[in-house]
Amino acid sequence: MSRTVVPTAPVAVSCELTGPGRSRPEMTRGLGTWAEGHADEVLADRETCDTRVARATARCRSRRRGPAVITTGPT
């Protein structure tokens, strides 16, 4: 898979299959099916992660002690 980050606000990411990816359609169909079936869960997890990052960044800025330590895994 080829991934291209587009410097826009918000940042956009463009993904495209490369030759090896195109040669295995059953795998990519399976991934697409999984993504469609789990989209709500993935989006909720993304929101949780974004909230944690925003809170950690705000705490860091209010303390003025250097970069925040950001944990994105389960709490």
Protein backbone atom coordinates (compact mmCIF):
# COMPACT_ATOMS: atom_id res chain seq x y z
CA MET A 1 0.00 0.00 0.00
CA SER A 2 1.21 3.46 -0.84
CA ARG A 3 0.30 6.22 1.65
CA THR A 4 0.54 9.91 0.80
CA VAL A 5 0.00 12.67 3.37
CA VAL A 6 -1.55 15.80 1.89
CA PRO A 7 -0.57 18.96 3.83
CA THR A 8 -4.03 20.44 4.23
CA ALA A 9 -5.99 21.52 7.29
CA PRO A 10 -7.04 19.04 8.51
CA VAL A 11 -4.36 16.76 7.15
CA ALA A 12 -5.59 14.33 4.52
CA VAL A 13 -4.13 10.92 3.79
CA SER A 14 -4.46 9.21 0.43
CA CYS A 15 -3.90 5.45 0.27
CA GLU A 16 -3.51 3.37 -2.85
CA LEU A 17 -2.73 -0.28 -3.46
CA THR A 18 0.63 -1.05 -4.99
CA GLY A 19 1.26 -3.94 -7.39
CA PRO A 20 1.54 -6.63 -4.69
CA GLY A 21 -1.68 -5.40 -3.05
CA ARG A 22 -3.56 -5.50 -6.33
CA SER A 23 -2.37 -9.07 -6.89
CA ARG A 24 -4.27 -10.31 -3.80
CA PRO A 25 -7.88 -9.12 -4.28
CA GLU A 26 -9.29 -11.62 -1.77
CA MET A 27 -7.18 -10.07 0.99
CA THR A 28 -8.11 -6.50 0.14
CA ARG A 29 -11.81 -7.38 -0.14
CA GLY A 30 -11.60 -8.99 3.30
CA LEU A 31 -9.96 -5.89 4.75
CA GLY A 32 -12.63 -3.69 3.18
CA THR A 33 -15.39 -5.86 4.59
CA TRP A 34 -13.80 -5.76 8.04
CA ALA A 35 -13.41 -1.95 7.89
CA GLU A 36 -17.04 -1.46 6.88
CA GLY A 37 -18.22 -3.73 9.70
CA HIS A 38 -16.10 -1.98 12.34
CA ALA A 39 -16.26 1.64 11.19
CA ASP A 40 -18.30 2.87 14.18
CA GLU A 41 -15.89 1.23 16.64
CA VAL A 42 -12.82 2.58 14.85
CA LEU A 43 -14.26 6.11 14.77
CA ALA A 44 -15.16 5.95 18.48
CA ASP A 45 -11.63 4.78 19.32
CA ARG A 46 -10.19 7.60 17.22
CA GLU A 47 -12.32 10.14 19.12
CA THR A 48 -11.13 8.70 22.45
CA CYS A 49 -7.51 8.94 21.33
CA ASP A 50 -7.94 12.50 20.05
CA THR A 51 -9.50 13.53 23.38
CA ARG A 52 -6.61 12.03 25.35
CA VAL A 53 -4.06 13.78 23.16
CA ALA A 54 -5.86 17.13 23.51
CA ARG A 55 -6.06 16.81 27.32
CA ALA A 56 -2.40 15.81 27.64
CA THR A 57 -1.34 18.68 25.42
CA ALA A 58 -3.41 21.16 27.44
CA ARG A 59 -1.91 19.89 30.72
CA CYS A 60 1.57 20.19 29.29
CA ARG A 61 1.02 23.73 28.08
CA SER A 62 -0.47 24.81 31.40
CA ARG A 63 2.56 23.47 33.31
CA ARG A 64 5.17 24.68 30.81
CA ARG A 65 7.40 21.72 31.61
CA GLY A 66 8.15 20.27 28.21
CA PRO A 67 6.35 17.83 25.97
CA ALA A 68 3.37 15.81 27.19
CA VAL A 69 3.56 12.07 27.59
CA ILE A 70 0.63 10.81 25.62
CA THR A 71 -0.82 7.35 26.14
CA THR A 72 -3.18 6.19 23.43
CA GLY A 73 -3.80 2.65 24.61
CA PRO A 74 -6.51 1.40 26.97
CA THR A 75 -6.69 3.03 30.37
